[in-house]
Amino acid sequence: MILAFAHPAIVVPDLEQAREFYERMFGFRVLTNEGWHDDPVVDRAIGSTRSCARSYVLAGHNTFLELFEYSAPPKQGPDPASLGPQEMGLRHLAFFVDDLETEYRRFIELGGEALGSLPADTDAPRAVYLRDPFGNIVELAEIPHEREDPRRLPGVDSLGDYDGKA
């Protein structure tokens, strides 16, 4: 049985800068501060060898967010900032906001950059794509329809036995 969506994870070049950005922009808080160095158990789980990373698990709203800064093995893939929204794979994180213009400006002030532009037409969908300070695409959107209001999602409280202790 699937219990819940757990978290997305973002690999960043500067863990502390990423933690601060996601705390200040979205109100996430640090749940755990972890890491490993050349741990065969971790390497087996993630499909790597001789990996080394520091990480945070952040908690906020209705999800967790993991942030990783790897020092080994060396990076091989493309920089996220070089990938557009049409590329294959996970392309963006989306956050509902109550005031798109205000949160758009705050995102930029905290070090993000615009990818799209704010909608000029008030009848258009109220959403815009930006890049976080590490090139990852983030969507800010006002709730488009009542049926998409996150308060209508089934919650983990329906799991039953959970006593709130972790």
N, C-alpha and C. Protein backbone atom coordinates (compact mmCIF):
# COMPACT_ATOMS: atom_id res chain seq x y z
N MET A 1 0.84 -1.17 0.00
CA MET A 1 0.00 0.00 0.00
C MET A 1 0.89 1.24 0.00
N ILE A 2 0.61 2.16 -0.89
CA ILE A 2 1.31 3.44 -0.92
C ILE A 2 0.73 4.30 0.19
N LEU A 3 1.58 4.86 1.04
CA LEU A 3 1.11 5.66 2.16
C LEU A 3 0.99 7.14 1.82
N ALA A 4 1.99 7.70 1.13
CA ALA A 4 1.98 9.13 0.84
C ALA A 4 3.15 9.46 -0.08
N PHE A 5 3.06 10.58 -0.76
CA PHE A 5 4.21 11.11 -1.47
C PHE A 5 5.16 11.62 -0.41
N ALA A 6 6.43 11.22 -0.47
CA ALA A 6 7.36 11.56 0.60
C ALA A 6 8.10 12.87 0.36
N HIS A 7 8.82 12.98 -0.76
CA HIS A 7 9.63 14.18 -0.98
C HIS A 7 10.26 14.18 -2.36
N PRO A 8 10.53 15.37 -2.89
CA PRO A 8 11.48 15.50 -3.99
C PRO A 8 12.85 15.76 -3.37
N ALA A 9 13.90 15.59 -4.15
CA ALA A 9 15.26 15.87 -3.70
C ALA A 9 15.97 16.70 -4.76
N ILE A 10 16.77 17.65 -4.30
CA ILE A 10 17.51 18.52 -5.21
C ILE A 10 18.98 18.44 -4.84
N VAL A 11 19.82 18.20 -5.83
CA VAL A 11 21.27 18.24 -5.64
C VAL A 11 21.73 19.65 -5.99
N VAL A 12 22.47 20.26 -5.08
CA VAL A 12 22.90 21.64 -5.23
C VAL A 12 24.41 21.75 -5.01
N PRO A 13 25.02 22.83 -5.52
CA PRO A 13 26.45 23.01 -5.30
C PRO A 13 26.80 23.64 -3.96
N ASP A 14 25.82 24.25 -3.29
CA ASP A 14 26.06 24.92 -2.01
C ASP A 14 24.88 24.61 -1.08
N LEU A 15 25.07 23.66 -0.19
CA LEU A 15 24.00 23.17 0.67
C LEU A 15 23.44 24.26 1.59
N GLU A 16 24.31 25.05 2.18
CA GLU A 16 23.84 26.08 3.12
C GLU A 16 23.06 27.17 2.40
N GLN A 17 23.51 27.56 1.22
CA GLN A 17 22.78 28.56 0.45
C GLN A 17 21.40 28.02 0.05
N ALA A 18 21.33 26.76 -0.33
CA ALA A 18 20.06 26.15 -0.72
C ALA A 18 19.11 26.06 0.48
N ARG A 19 19.62 25.64 1.62
CA ARG A 19 18.79 25.57 2.83
C ARG A 19 18.22 26.93 3.15
N GLU A 20 19.06 27.94 3.14
CA GLU A 20 18.61 29.29 3.45
C GLU A 20 17.56 29.77 2.44
N PHE A 21 17.78 29.52 1.16
CA PHE A 21 16.83 29.95 0.13
C PHE A 21 15.47 29.30 0.35
N TYR A 22 15.43 27.98 0.52
CA TYR A 22 14.15 27.29 0.67
C TYR A 22 13.49 27.57 2.01
N GLU A 23 14.27 27.87 3.04
CA GLU A 23 13.68 28.29 4.31
C GLU A 23 13.03 29.67 4.16
N ARG A 24 13.79 30.61 3.60
CA ARG A 24 13.30 31.98 3.50
C ARG A 24 12.18 32.14 2.49
N MET A 25 12.27 31.44 1.36
CA MET A 25 11.27 31.60 0.32
C MET A 25 9.98 30.86 0.66
N PHE A 26 10.09 29.62 1.11
CA PHE A 26 8.91 28.77 1.26
C PHE A 26 8.59 28.38 2.69
N GLY A 27 9.40 28.80 3.65
CA GLY A 27 9.10 28.51 5.03
C GLY A 27 9.44 27.09 5.47
N PHE A 28 10.25 26.37 4.68
CA PHE A 28 10.68 25.05 5.13
C PHE A 28 11.53 25.20 6.38
N ARG A 29 11.56 24.15 7.20
CA ARG A 29 12.42 24.14 8.38
C ARG A 29 13.25 22.84 8.37
N VAL A 30 14.43 22.91 8.93
CA VAL A 30 15.31 21.75 8.96
C VAL A 30 14.74 20.70 9.90
N LEU A 31 14.58 19.50 9.36
CA LEU A 31 14.15 18.36 10.15
C LEU A 31 15.36 17.52 10.55
N THR A 32 16.24 17.25 9.57
CA THR A 32 17.47 16.51 9.86
C THR A 32 18.62 17.09 9.06
N ASN A 33 19.81 16.93 9.60
CA ASN A 33 21.06 17.32 8.94
C ASN A 33 21.90 16.05 8.92
N GLU A 34 22.12 15.52 7.72
CA GLU A 34 22.77 14.21 7.61
C GLU A 34 23.92 14.26 6.62
N GLY A 35 24.54 13.14 6.45
CA GLY A 35 25.59 13.00 5.46
C GLY A 35 26.23 11.63 5.56
N TRP A 36 27.10 11.34 4.60
CA TRP A 36 27.83 10.08 4.60
C TRP A 36 29.09 10.25 3.77
N HIS A 37 30.02 9.33 4.00
CA HIS A 37 31.27 9.31 3.25
C HIS A 37 31.64 7.86 2.97
N ASP A 38 31.64 7.50 1.70
CA ASP A 38 32.07 6.18 1.26
C ASP A 38 31.43 5.07 2.11
N ASP A 39 30.12 5.09 2.17
CA ASP A 39 29.36 4.13 2.96
C ASP A 39 28.74 3.09 2.01
N PRO A 40 29.20 1.84 2.06
CA PRO A 40 28.69 0.82 1.13
C PRO A 40 27.18 0.60 1.22
N VAL A 41 26.60 0.77 2.40
CA VAL A 41 25.16 0.59 2.55
C VAL A 41 24.42 1.69 1.78
N VAL A 42 24.85 2.93 1.94
CA VAL A 42 24.23 4.04 1.21
C VAL A 42 24.48 3.87 -0.29
N ASP A 43 25.73 3.57 -0.67
CA ASP A 43 26.05 3.40 -2.09
C ASP A 43 25.18 2.32 -2.74
N ARG A 44 24.95 1.25 -2.05
CA ARG A 44 24.12 0.17 -2.59
C ARG A 44 22.68 0.67 -2.79
N ALA A 45 22.17 1.44 -1.84
CA ALA A 45 20.80 1.94 -1.93
C ALA A 45 20.63 2.95 -3.07
N ILE A 46 21.62 3.80 -3.28
CA ILE A 46 21.49 4.85 -4.30
C ILE A 46 22.10 4.47 -5.65
N GLY A 47 22.76 3.32 -5.72
CA GLY A 47 23.35 2.86 -6.98
C GLY A 47 24.60 3.62 -7.36
N SER A 48 25.44 3.91 -6.38
CA SER A 48 26.67 4.66 -6.63
C SER A 48 27.84 3.92 -5.99
N THR A 49 29.03 4.46 -6.15
CA THR A 49 30.20 3.92 -5.47
C THR A 49 31.02 5.06 -4.90
N ARG A 50 31.52 4.83 -3.70
CA ARG A 50 32.40 5.78 -3.02
C ARG A 50 31.81 7.20 -2.99
N SER A 51 30.50 7.27 -2.77
CA SER A 51 29.85 8.58 -2.74
C SER A 51 30.07 9.27 -1.40
N CYS A 52 29.96 10.56 -1.45
CA CYS A 52 30.11 11.38 -0.26
C CYS A 52 29.19 12.59 -0.42
N ALA A 53 28.35 12.83 0.57
CA ALA A 53 27.41 13.94 0.48
C ALA A 53 27.01 14.43 1.86
N ARG A 54 26.59 15.68 1.88
CA ARG A 54 25.93 16.27 3.04
C ARG A 54 24.50 16.54 2.61
N SER A 55 23.57 16.50 3.57
CA SER A 55 22.18 16.72 3.18
C SER A 55 21.35 17.28 4.33
N TYR A 56 20.24 17.86 3.93
CA TYR A 56 19.20 18.28 4.85
C TYR A 56 17.90 17.65 4.40
N VAL A 57 17.07 17.27 5.36
CA VAL A 57 15.67 17.00 5.10
C VAL A 57 14.94 18.19 5.70
N LEU A 58 14.17 18.87 4.84
CA LEU A 58 13.39 20.01 5.27
C LEU A 58 11.93 19.62 5.33
N ALA A 59 11.18 20.23 6.22
CA ALA A 59 9.75 19.97 6.34
C ALA A 59 9.00 21.27 6.12
N GLY A 60 7.90 21.16 5.39
CA GLY A 60 7.09 22.35 5.17
C GLY A 60 5.82 22.03 4.44
N HIS A 61 4.79 22.77 4.77
CA HIS A 61 3.51 22.66 4.09
C HIS A 61 3.04 21.21 4.12
N ASN A 62 2.93 20.60 2.97
CA ASN A 62 2.41 19.23 2.94
C ASN A 62 3.43 18.24 2.39
N THR A 63 4.73 18.54 2.58
CA THR A 63 5.76 17.63 2.07
C THR A 63 7.09 17.83 2.79
N PHE A 64 8.00 16.96 2.50
CA PHE A 64 9.40 17.11 2.89
C PHE A 64 10.17 17.45 1.64
N LEU A 65 11.33 18.05 1.79
CA LEU A 65 12.23 18.37 0.68
C LEU A 65 13.63 18.00 1.11
N GLU A 66 14.31 17.19 0.29
CA GLU A 66 15.70 16.85 0.58
C GLU A 66 16.61 17.71 -0.27
N LEU A 67 17.69 18.17 0.35
CA LEU A 67 18.73 18.90 -0.34
C LEU A 67 20.04 18.14 -0.15
N PHE A 68 20.77 17.94 -1.23
CA PHE A 68 22.05 17.23 -1.18
C PHE A 68 23.15 18.07 -1.80
N GLU A 69 24.33 18.02 -1.20
CA GLU A 69 25.55 18.54 -1.82
C GLU A 69 26.55 17.39 -1.84
N TYR A 70 26.84 16.88 -3.03
CA TYR A 70 27.78 15.77 -3.20
C TYR A 70 29.19 16.30 -3.40
N SER A 71 30.16 15.64 -2.77
CA SER A 71 31.56 15.91 -3.06
C SER A 71 32.18 14.75 -3.84
N ALA A 72 31.49 13.62 -3.91
CA ALA A 72 31.94 12.48 -4.71
C ALA A 72 30.72 11.61 -5.01
N PRO A 73 30.68 10.96 -6.13
CA PRO A 73 31.61 11.02 -7.25
C PRO A 73 31.44 12.34 -8.01
N PRO A 74 32.35 12.62 -8.96
CA PRO A 74 32.25 13.87 -9.69
C PRO A 74 30.98 13.94 -10.55
N LYS A 75 30.46 15.15 -10.70
CA LYS A 75 29.27 15.41 -11.52
C LYS A 75 29.58 15.07 -12.98
N GLN A 76 28.59 14.45 -13.66
CA GLN A 76 28.78 14.10 -15.07
C GLN A 76 27.70 14.66 -15.98
N GLY A 77 26.52 14.87 -15.46
CA GLY A 77 25.38 15.29 -16.28
C GLY A 77 25.37 16.77 -16.56
N PRO A 78 24.35 17.22 -17.30
CA PRO A 78 24.23 18.64 -17.62
C PRO A 78 23.84 19.47 -16.41
N ASP A 79 24.19 20.72 -16.45
CA ASP A 79 23.79 21.67 -15.43
C ASP A 79 22.29 21.90 -15.56
N PRO A 80 21.52 21.87 -14.44
CA PRO A 80 20.08 22.08 -14.54
C PRO A 80 19.71 23.39 -15.24
N ALA A 81 20.56 24.40 -15.09
CA ALA A 81 20.27 25.70 -15.71
C ALA A 81 20.31 25.63 -17.23
N SER A 82 20.91 24.57 -17.77
CA SER A 82 20.97 24.42 -19.23
C SER A 82 19.75 23.68 -19.78
N LEU A 83 18.89 23.18 -18.90
CA LEU A 83 17.72 22.40 -19.32
C LEU A 83 16.46 23.26 -19.29
N GLY A 84 15.71 23.19 -20.35
CA GLY A 84 14.45 23.93 -20.41
C GLY A 84 13.31 23.11 -19.85
N PRO A 85 12.13 23.72 -19.77
CA PRO A 85 10.97 23.03 -19.20
C PRO A 85 10.49 21.87 -20.06
N GLN A 86 10.92 21.77 -21.30
CA GLN A 86 10.48 20.72 -22.22
C GLN A 86 11.34 19.46 -22.15
N GLU A 87 12.44 19.49 -21.42
CA GLU A 87 13.36 18.35 -21.36
C GLU A 87 12.73 17.20 -20.57
N MET A 88 13.18 15.99 -20.90
CA MET A 88 12.68 14.80 -20.20
C MET A 88 13.13 14.80 -18.74
N GLY A 89 12.37 14.14 -17.90
CA GLY A 89 12.72 14.00 -16.50
C GLY A 89 11.93 14.97 -15.64
N LEU A 90 12.25 15.00 -14.37
CA LEU A 90 11.60 15.94 -13.46
C LEU A 90 12.04 17.35 -13.82
N ARG A 91 11.10 18.21 -14.11
CA ARG A 91 11.46 19.53 -14.62
C ARG A 91 11.17 20.68 -13.68
N HIS A 92 10.25 20.54 -12.75
CA HIS A 92 10.03 21.66 -11.84
C HIS A 92 9.34 21.22 -10.56
N LEU A 93 9.50 22.06 -9.54
CA LEU A 93 8.74 21.97 -8.30
C LEU A 93 7.69 23.06 -8.39
N ALA A 94 6.49 22.79 -7.95
CA ALA A 94 5.43 23.80 -8.00
C ALA A 94 4.93 24.10 -6.59
N PHE A 95 4.71 25.37 -6.33
CA PHE A 95 4.21 25.83 -5.05
C PHE A 95 3.00 26.73 -5.28
N PHE A 96 1.92 26.49 -4.54
CA PHE A 96 0.78 27.40 -4.58
C PHE A 96 1.11 28.60 -3.69
N VAL A 97 0.73 29.76 -4.17
CA VAL A 97 0.94 31.01 -3.43
C VAL A 97 -0.38 31.78 -3.41
N ASP A 98 -0.50 32.70 -2.46
CA ASP A 98 -1.74 33.49 -2.40
C ASP A 98 -1.65 34.79 -3.19
N ASP A 99 -0.44 35.25 -3.49
CA ASP A 99 -0.26 36.51 -4.23
C ASP A 99 0.93 36.32 -5.17
N LEU A 100 0.65 36.03 -6.41
CA LEU A 100 1.70 35.67 -7.38
C LEU A 100 2.73 36.78 -7.55
N GLU A 101 2.31 38.00 -7.71
CA GLU A 101 3.26 39.10 -7.95
C GLU A 101 4.20 39.29 -6.77
N THR A 102 3.65 39.27 -5.56
CA THR A 102 4.47 39.46 -4.36
C THR A 102 5.49 38.34 -4.21
N GLU A 103 5.07 37.10 -4.37
CA GLU A 103 5.99 35.97 -4.20
C GLU A 103 7.00 35.90 -5.34
N TYR A 104 6.61 36.30 -6.53
CA TYR A 104 7.53 36.39 -7.67
C TYR A 104 8.67 37.36 -7.35
N ARG A 105 8.32 38.55 -6.87
CA ARG A 105 9.34 39.55 -6.52
C ARG A 105 10.23 39.04 -5.39
N ARG A 106 9.63 38.40 -4.38
CA ARG A 106 10.42 37.88 -3.25
C ARG A 106 11.38 36.80 -3.71
N PHE A 107 10.93 35.93 -4.61
CA PHE A 107 11.78 34.87 -5.17
C PHE A 107 13.02 35.48 -5.82
N ILE A 108 12.83 36.51 -6.63
CA ILE A 108 13.93 37.20 -7.32
C ILE A 108 14.86 37.86 -6.29
N GLU A 109 14.28 38.53 -5.30
CA GLU A 109 15.08 39.20 -4.26
C GLU A 109 15.94 38.21 -3.49
N LEU A 110 15.48 36.97 -3.34
CA LEU A 110 16.22 35.96 -2.59
C LEU A 110 17.26 35.22 -3.44
N GLY A 111 17.41 35.62 -4.69
CA GLY A 111 18.47 35.03 -5.52
C GLY A 111 17.99 34.21 -6.69
N GLY A 112 16.68 34.05 -6.85
CA GLY A 112 16.17 33.33 -8.01
C GLY A 112 16.17 34.22 -9.24
N GLU A 113 15.81 33.62 -10.38
CA GLU A 113 15.71 34.42 -11.60
C GLU A 113 14.48 34.00 -12.39
N ALA A 114 13.93 34.96 -13.13
CA ALA A 114 12.74 34.70 -13.92
C ALA A 114 13.07 33.81 -15.10
N LEU A 115 12.21 32.86 -15.38
CA LEU A 115 12.29 32.07 -16.61
C LEU A 115 11.14 32.53 -17.51
N GLY A 116 9.94 32.56 -16.96
CA GLY A 116 8.77 33.10 -17.66
C GLY A 116 8.46 34.47 -17.12
N SER A 117 7.36 35.03 -17.58
CA SER A 117 6.95 36.35 -17.08
C SER A 117 5.56 36.24 -16.48
N LEU A 118 5.27 37.19 -15.62
CA LEU A 118 3.97 37.21 -14.96
C LEU A 118 2.87 37.37 -16.00
N PRO A 119 1.73 36.70 -15.79
CA PRO A 119 0.63 36.82 -16.75
C PRO A 119 0.08 38.25 -16.76
N ALA A 120 -0.08 38.80 -17.97
CA ALA A 120 -0.63 40.16 -18.10
C ALA A 120 -2.16 40.13 -18.07
N ASP A 121 -2.74 39.07 -18.60
CA ASP A 121 -4.19 38.92 -18.68
C ASP A 121 -4.71 38.36 -17.36
N THR A 122 -5.62 39.07 -16.73
CA THR A 122 -6.13 38.61 -15.43
C THR A 122 -6.98 37.35 -15.54
N ASP A 123 -7.42 37.00 -16.75
CA ASP A 123 -8.19 35.77 -16.93
C ASP A 123 -7.29 34.58 -17.27
N ALA A 124 -6.00 34.82 -17.48
CA ALA A 124 -5.05 33.76 -17.81
C ALA A 124 -4.71 32.97 -16.55
N PRO A 125 -4.20 31.74 -16.71
CA PRO A 125 -3.74 31.00 -15.53
C PRO A 125 -2.71 31.84 -14.76
N ARG A 126 -2.81 31.85 -13.48
CA ARG A 126 -1.96 32.67 -12.63
C ARG A 126 -0.77 31.84 -12.17
N ALA A 127 0.21 31.71 -13.06
CA ALA A 127 1.39 30.91 -12.77
C ALA A 127 2.59 31.46 -13.54
N VAL A 128 3.78 31.18 -13.02
CA VAL A 128 5.01 31.60 -13.69
C VAL A 128 6.14 30.66 -13.29
N TYR A 129 7.04 30.40 -14.23
CA TYR A 129 8.23 29.60 -13.97
C TYR A 129 9.41 30.52 -13.66
N LEU A 130 10.22 30.09 -12.68
CA LEU A 130 11.45 30.78 -12.32
C LEU A 130 12.54 29.74 -12.14
N ARG A 131 13.76 30.16 -11.92
CA ARG A 131 14.86 29.26 -11.57
C ARG A 131 15.36 29.63 -10.18
N ASP A 132 15.59 28.60 -9.35
CA ASP A 132 16.19 28.86 -8.05
C ASP A 132 17.65 29.24 -8.27
N PRO A 133 18.39 29.62 -7.23
CA PRO A 133 19.78 30.04 -7.43
C PRO A 133 20.70 28.97 -8.02
N PHE A 134 20.20 27.74 -8.17
CA PHE A 134 21.02 26.63 -8.67
C PHE A 134 20.58 26.16 -10.05
N GLY A 135 19.62 26.87 -10.65
CA GLY A 135 19.16 26.55 -12.00
C GLY A 135 17.95 25.66 -12.07
N ASN A 136 17.43 25.18 -10.95
CA ASN A 136 16.25 24.32 -10.95
C ASN A 136 14.99 25.15 -11.21
N ILE A 137 14.06 24.60 -11.97
CA ILE A 137 12.84 25.32 -12.29
C ILE A 137 11.83 25.17 -11.15
N VAL A 138 11.27 26.30 -10.74
CA VAL A 138 10.24 26.34 -9.71
C VAL A 138 9.05 27.09 -10.29
N GLU A 139 7.87 26.51 -10.14
CA GLU A 139 6.64 27.17 -10.56
C GLU A 139 5.97 27.77 -9.34
N LEU A 140 5.57 29.02 -9.46
CA LEU A 140 4.72 29.65 -8.47
C LEU A 140 3.35 29.80 -9.12
N ALA A 141 2.30 29.40 -8.42
CA ALA A 141 0.96 29.45 -9.01
C ALA A 141 -0.07 29.75 -7.95
N GLU A 142 -1.04 30.54 -8.34
CA GLU A 142 -2.22 30.69 -7.50
C GLU A 142 -3.11 29.47 -7.78
N ILE A 143 -3.89 29.05 -6.82
CA ILE A 143 -4.74 27.87 -6.98
C ILE A 143 -5.70 28.12 -8.14
N PRO A 144 -5.61 27.30 -9.21
CA PRO A 144 -6.39 27.58 -10.42
C PRO A 144 -7.87 27.26 -10.32
N HIS A 145 -8.22 26.20 -9.60
CA HIS A 145 -9.61 25.76 -9.49
C HIS A 145 -9.82 25.20 -8.08
N GLU A 146 -11.03 25.29 -7.59
CA GLU A 146 -11.34 24.74 -6.27
C GLU A 146 -10.95 23.26 -6.19
N ARG A 147 -11.12 22.51 -7.30
CA ARG A 147 -10.81 21.08 -7.27
C ARG A 147 -9.31 20.81 -7.07
N GLU A 148 -8.46 21.83 -7.31
CA GLU A 148 -7.02 21.67 -7.11
C GLU A 148 -6.53 22.28 -5.80
N ASP A 149 -7.43 22.71 -4.96
CA ASP A 149 -7.05 23.26 -3.67
C ASP A 149 -6.40 22.14 -2.85
N PRO A 150 -5.16 22.32 -2.40
CA PRO A 150 -4.46 21.24 -1.69
C PRO A 150 -5.15 20.83 -0.40
N ARG A 151 -6.00 21.67 0.14
CA ARG A 151 -6.72 21.30 1.35
C ARG A 151 -7.73 20.19 1.09
N ARG A 152 -7.99 19.89 -0.19
CA ARG A 152 -8.92 18.82 -0.55
C ARG A 152 -8.22 17.46 -0.71
N LEU A 153 -6.90 17.45 -0.67
CA LEU A 153 -6.17 16.19 -0.84
C LEU A 153 -6.34 15.30 0.38
N PRO A 154 -6.41 14.00 0.15
CA PRO A 154 -6.44 13.11 1.31
C PRO A 154 -5.12 13.23 2.06
N GLY A 155 -5.20 13.28 3.36
CA GLY A 155 -4.00 13.49 4.16
C GLY A 155 -3.49 12.21 4.80
N VAL A 156 -2.30 12.29 5.32
CA VAL A 156 -1.72 11.14 6.00
C VAL A 156 -2.43 10.84 7.30
N ASP A 157 -3.28 11.73 7.76
CA ASP A 157 -4.04 11.44 8.98
C ASP A 157 -4.99 10.27 8.78
N SER A 158 -5.25 9.91 7.53
CA SER A 158 -6.12 8.77 7.27
C SER A 158 -5.38 7.43 7.42
N LEU A 159 -4.10 7.46 7.78
CA LEU A 159 -3.32 6.24 7.91
C LEU A 159 -3.67 5.45 9.17
N GLY A 160 -4.26 6.09 10.14
CA GLY A 160 -4.71 5.34 11.30
C GLY A 160 -3.80 5.43 12.50
N ASP A 161 -2.92 4.46 12.71
CA ASP A 161 -2.19 4.25 13.96
C ASP A 161 -1.13 5.31 14.29
N TYR A 162 -0.85 6.21 13.41
CA TYR A 162 0.26 7.14 13.64
C TYR A 162 0.01 7.95 14.90
N ASP A 163 1.01 7.98 15.80
CA ASP A 163 0.85 8.69 17.06
C ASP A 163 1.57 10.04 17.07
N GLY A 164 2.17 10.41 15.94
CA GLY A 164 2.85 11.70 15.86
C GLY A 164 4.27 11.70 16.34
N LYS A 165 4.76 10.58 16.86
CA LYS A 165 6.14 10.50 17.34
C LYS A 165 7.01 9.90 16.25
N ALA A 166 8.14 10.56 16.01
CA ALA A 166 9.06 10.05 14.99
C ALA A 166 10.43 9.81 15.58
